[in-house]
């Protein structure tokens, strides 16, 4: 059994998370900015389907990408060098979330509900949630969004409507975060797609130890509010 959280209840210790399904920690509460930021600082994130209560997770192991460990395949490198795209940052956060929410297959569902859209839109307005966008002309063809706290970035979701578009967004993000001194990108759970880009699993204890150091706001890299990326991220 997992605990049901009321509005003011703290999260239970991560050691209480279930083994199956891996990392399920609690249910209930809400998606207020305070609750979400408290969750991310502790290595917890929300993930639930329409019609379900808010479910909170902290899986063990945890999938992470260290910026210096990014892997770029030969085909992706070619896509990057074409530069037939424009990278924009935080120019249309809502459109990126909506694109990520679109079903990946006919008749499919999504975990990015209207409640999630409103909650993360509020974090974007606070300058905490960010979108990295790939545009071709006036068409948004790929991108991703996530949360930044201190020198830690929490990746939430990505989408692609053109070959390598989401990967192009990720490469620009990783290279910029590396310049800013970010130490880790949370990828939450293992996928072959992320592993191919250099992400790997670490024990939850190691993840949380790193997290406690990286979210120290005295080490904030000087990028509050909406972001702007450097122009020379791709050689």
Protein backbone atom coordinates (compact mmCIF):
# COMPACT_ATOMS: atom_id res chain seq x y z
CA UNK A 1 0.00 0.00 0.00
CA UNK A 2 1.07 3.57 -0.61
CA UNK A 3 0.02 6.58 1.47
CA UNK A 4 -2.65 9.04 0.38
CA UNK A 5 -1.37 12.60 0.69
CA UNK A 6 -3.54 15.45 1.86
CA UNK A 7 -2.71 19.03 0.89
CA UNK A 8 -0.17 19.70 3.64
CA UNK A 9 1.25 16.20 4.05
CA UNK A 10 4.98 15.74 3.41
CA UNK A 11 6.20 13.06 1.05
CA UNK A 12 7.14 9.75 2.65
CA UNK A 13 10.82 8.73 2.61
CA UNK A 14 12.02 7.42 -0.75
CA UNK A 15 12.85 4.10 0.86
CA UNK A 16 9.09 3.53 1.16
CA UNK A 17 8.63 3.44 -2.64
CA UNK A 18 7.32 0.20 -4.07
CA UNK A 19 9.53 -2.21 -5.97
CA UNK A 20 6.63 -3.07 -8.25
CA UNK A 21 5.59 -0.89 -9.92
CA UNK A 22 9.09 0.45 -9.53
CA UNK A 23 9.24 3.68 -7.60
CA UNK A 24 5.57 4.32 -6.86
CA UNK A 25 5.73 6.35 -3.65
CA UNK A 26 2.42 8.05 -2.91
CA UNK A 27 -0.90 9.26 -4.32
CA UNK A 28 -3.01 12.34 -3.83
CA UNK A 29 -2.23 15.98 -2.98
CA UNK A 30 -2.15 18.37 -5.94
CA UNK A 31 0.08 19.86 -8.63
CA UNK A 32 0.60 23.25 -7.02
CA UNK A 33 3.92 24.95 -7.71
CA UNK A 34 5.03 24.43 -4.10
CA UNK A 35 4.19 20.73 -4.20
CA UNK A 36 5.91 20.17 -7.56
CA UNK A 37 9.07 22.01 -6.56
CA UNK A 38 9.20 20.12 -3.27
CA UNK A 39 8.88 16.86 -5.21
CA UNK A 40 11.66 17.65 -7.69
CA UNK A 41 14.04 18.76 -4.94
CA UNK A 42 13.61 15.32 -3.35
CA UNK A 43 13.91 13.28 -6.55
CA UNK A 44 10.17 12.70 -6.96
CA UNK A 45 7.99 13.36 -9.99
CA UNK A 46 4.28 13.04 -10.87
CA UNK A 47 3.07 10.60 -13.51
CA UNK A 48 -0.52 9.45 -13.88
CA UNK A 49 -3.14 8.72 -16.52
CA UNK A 50 -6.41 10.59 -17.07
CA UNK A 51 -8.98 9.55 -14.49
CA UNK A 52 -6.33 8.52 -11.95
CA UNK A 53 -5.34 10.47 -8.83
CA UNK A 54 -1.97 12.20 -8.88
CA UNK A 55 0.69 9.49 -8.50
CA UNK A 56 4.20 10.29 -7.26
CA UNK A 57 7.28 8.28 -8.29
CA UNK A 58 10.94 7.86 -7.40
CA UNK A 59 12.26 4.80 -9.28
CA UNK A 60 15.37 2.84 -8.37
CA UNK A 61 17.54 2.79 -10.43
CA UNK A 62 17.20 6.21 -12.05
CA UNK A 63 18.02 7.06 -15.67
CA UNK A 64 20.30 10.09 -15.97
CA UNK A 65 22.39 11.82 -18.62
CA UNK A 66 25.66 13.46 -17.56
CA UNK A 67 26.27 16.31 -20.04
CA UNK A 68 29.87 15.25 -20.72
CA UNK A 69 28.70 11.72 -21.59
CA UNK A 70 26.42 12.73 -24.47
CA UNK A 71 26.79 10.41 -27.47
CA UNK A 72 26.12 11.70 -30.98
CA UNK A 73 25.78 9.14 -33.75
CA UNK A 74 27.15 9.73 -37.22
CA UNK A 75 23.65 10.20 -38.66
CA UNK A 76 22.68 12.67 -35.92
CA UNK A 77 25.89 14.61 -36.47
CA UNK A 78 24.94 14.99 -40.13
CA UNK A 79 21.48 16.25 -39.16
CA UNK A 80 23.06 18.79 -36.81
CA UNK A 81 25.47 20.08 -39.44
CA UNK A 82 22.71 20.66 -41.98
CA UNK A 83 21.44 23.48 -39.79
CA UNK A 84 18.21 23.64 -41.79
CA UNK A 85 16.43 24.47 -38.56
CA UNK A 86 16.24 27.20 -35.93
CA UNK A 87 16.55 26.56 -32.21
CA UNK A 88 14.28 28.68 -30.04
CA UNK A 89 14.10 28.52 -26.28
CA UNK A 90 11.02 29.32 -24.21
CA UNK A 91 9.28 30.94 -27.19
CA UNK A 92 6.18 28.71 -27.09
CA UNK A 93 6.22 26.47 -24.04
CA UNK A 94 2.53 25.61 -24.30
CA UNK A 95 2.88 24.42 -27.90
CA UNK A 96 5.74 22.12 -26.92
CA UNK A 97 3.75 20.58 -24.07
CA UNK A 98 0.73 20.14 -26.32
CA UNK A 99 2.87 18.45 -28.96
CA UNK A 100 4.34 16.14 -26.32
CA UNK A 101 0.79 15.35 -25.18
CA UNK A 102 -0.36 14.30 -28.65
CA UNK A 103 -0.92 10.51 -28.89
CA UNK A 104 2.07 8.72 -30.44
CA UNK A 105 -0.20 6.28 -32.27
CA UNK A 106 -3.82 6.32 -33.48
CA UNK A 107 -6.20 5.84 -30.60
CA UNK A 108 -3.41 6.22 -28.04
CA UNK A 109 -3.65 8.18 -24.84
CA UNK A 110 -1.43 10.60 -22.99
CA UNK A 111 -0.33 11.24 -19.42
CA UNK A 112 0.07 14.97 -20.11
CA UNK A 113 -3.41 16.02 -19.05
CA UNK A 114 -4.96 19.48 -18.98
CA UNK A 115 -4.12 19.58 -15.27
CA UNK A 116 -0.46 18.93 -16.09
CA UNK A 117 -0.50 21.56 -18.82
CA UNK A 118 -1.77 24.19 -16.40
CA UNK A 119 0.63 23.17 -13.63
CA UNK A 120 3.77 23.21 -15.75
CA UNK A 121 2.62 26.32 -17.57
CA UNK A 122 2.60 28.03 -14.17
CA UNK A 123 6.17 26.82 -13.54
CA UNK A 124 7.17 28.21 -16.93
CA UNK A 125 5.75 31.58 -15.96
CA UNK A 126 7.91 31.40 -12.83
CA UNK A 127 11.01 30.82 -14.98
CA UNK A 128 11.49 27.27 -13.68
CA UNK A 129 10.12 25.19 -16.57
CA UNK A 130 11.72 25.56 -20.00
CA UNK A 131 11.12 24.46 -23.58
CA UNK A 132 13.78 23.85 -26.22
CA UNK A 133 12.21 24.04 -29.67
CA UNK A 134 13.23 23.07 -33.20
CA UNK A 135 11.62 25.19 -35.90
CA UNK A 136 11.71 24.96 -39.69
CA UNK A 137 10.28 28.19 -40.94
CA UNK A 138 7.06 28.73 -39.03
CA UNK A 139 6.63 25.03 -38.21
CA UNK A 140 7.47 23.57 -34.82
CA UNK A 141 8.95 20.17 -35.74
CA UNK A 142 10.44 18.97 -32.47
CA UNK A 143 11.38 19.83 -28.95
CA UNK A 144 11.38 18.99 -25.28
CA UNK A 145 10.55 20.56 -21.94
CA UNK A 146 11.70 20.18 -18.36
CA UNK A 147 12.46 21.78 -15.02
CA UNK A 148 15.67 23.52 -13.94
CA UNK A 149 16.66 23.87 -10.29
CA UNK A 150 20.14 25.09 -9.46
CA UNK A 151 22.48 23.09 -11.70
CA UNK A 152 20.02 20.25 -12.20
CA UNK A 153 17.70 19.74 -15.18
CA UNK A 154 14.74 17.36 -15.04
CA UNK A 155 13.68 16.22 -18.50
CA UNK A 156 9.95 15.64 -18.78
CA UNK A 157 9.00 14.80 -22.36
CA UNK A 158 10.06 15.29 -25.96
CA UNK A 159 8.43 15.03 -29.38
CA UNK A 160 9.50 14.88 -33.00
CA UNK A 161 7.66 15.59 -36.25
CA UNK A 162 10.79 15.43 -38.41
CA UNK A 163 13.83 13.17 -38.53
CA UNK A 164 16.08 13.67 -35.48
CA UNK A 165 14.20 16.81 -34.39
CA UNK A 166 13.88 15.86 -30.72
CA UNK A 167 17.49 14.69 -30.66
CA UNK A 168 18.62 18.02 -32.13
CA UNK A 169 16.80 19.82 -29.32
CA UNK A 170 18.44 17.55 -26.75
CA UNK A 171 21.95 18.09 -28.14
CA UNK A 172 21.55 21.86 -27.96
CA UNK A 173 20.20 21.59 -24.43
CA UNK A 174 23.00 19.32 -23.23
CA UNK A 175 25.75 21.46 -24.71
CA UNK A 176 24.32 24.63 -23.22
CA UNK A 177 23.85 23.03 -19.81
CA UNK A 178 27.42 21.78 -19.95
CA UNK A 179 28.63 25.36 -20.52
CA UNK A 180 26.53 26.57 -17.61
CA UNK A 181 27.98 23.93 -15.33
CA UNK A 182 24.90 21.77 -14.91
CA UNK A 183 25.88 18.38 -13.56
CA UNK A 184 23.03 16.06 -14.52
CA UNK A 185 19.85 15.64 -16.54
CA UNK A 186 17.16 13.46 -15.01
CA UNK A 187 15.65 11.13 -17.60
CA UNK A 188 13.46 9.32 -15.02
CA UNK A 189 13.13 5.84 -16.51
CA UNK A 190 15.21 3.76 -18.92
CA UNK A 191 14.50 3.80 -22.63
CA UNK A 192 16.63 2.54 -25.52
CA UNK A 193 16.28 5.95 -27.16
CA UNK A 194 17.90 7.73 -24.21
CA UNK A 195 20.53 5.03 -23.72
CA UNK A 196 21.63 5.51 -27.33
CA UNK A 197 22.37 9.16 -26.49
CA UNK A 198 24.54 8.29 -23.50
CA UNK A 199 22.04 8.15 -20.65
CA UNK A 200 22.59 5.45 -18.03
CA UNK A 201 21.01 4.09 -14.90
CA UNK A 202 22.33 4.94 -11.44
CA UNK A 203 21.16 3.76 -8.01
CA UNK A 204 18.55 6.05 -6.48
CA UNK A 205 20.85 6.70 -3.51
CA UNK A 206 23.55 8.01 -5.85
CA UNK A 207 21.01 10.12 -7.75
CA UNK A 208 19.69 11.74 -4.57
CA UNK A 209 23.19 12.43 -3.25
CA UNK A 210 24.11 14.25 -6.47
CA UNK A 211 20.76 16.01 -6.49
CA UNK A 212 21.25 17.51 -3.04
CA UNK A 213 24.46 19.17 -4.24
CA UNK A 214 23.22 20.32 -7.65
CA UNK A 215 20.02 22.04 -6.54
CA UNK A 216 21.89 24.29 -4.11
CA UNK A 217 20.67 27.70 -5.23
CA UNK A 218 23.90 29.36 -4.10
CA UNK A 219 25.35 27.66 -7.19
CA UNK A 220 22.70 28.95 -9.57
CA UNK A 221 24.42 29.49 -12.96
CA UNK A 222 23.01 32.96 -13.49
CA UNK A 223 20.11 32.00 -15.76
CA UNK A 224 16.90 32.98 -13.92
CA UNK A 225 13.68 33.43 -15.86
CA UNK A 226 13.35 32.55 -19.52
CA UNK A 227 16.49 31.19 -21.13
CA UNK A 228 18.61 32.25 -24.09
CA UNK A 229 21.09 29.83 -25.65
CA UNK A 230 24.51 30.61 -27.12
CA UNK A 231 24.70 30.75 -30.94
CA UNK A 232 27.76 28.50 -31.35
CA UNK A 233 26.63 25.24 -29.72
CA UNK A 234 27.05 23.23 -32.92
CA UNK A 235 30.44 23.10 -34.62
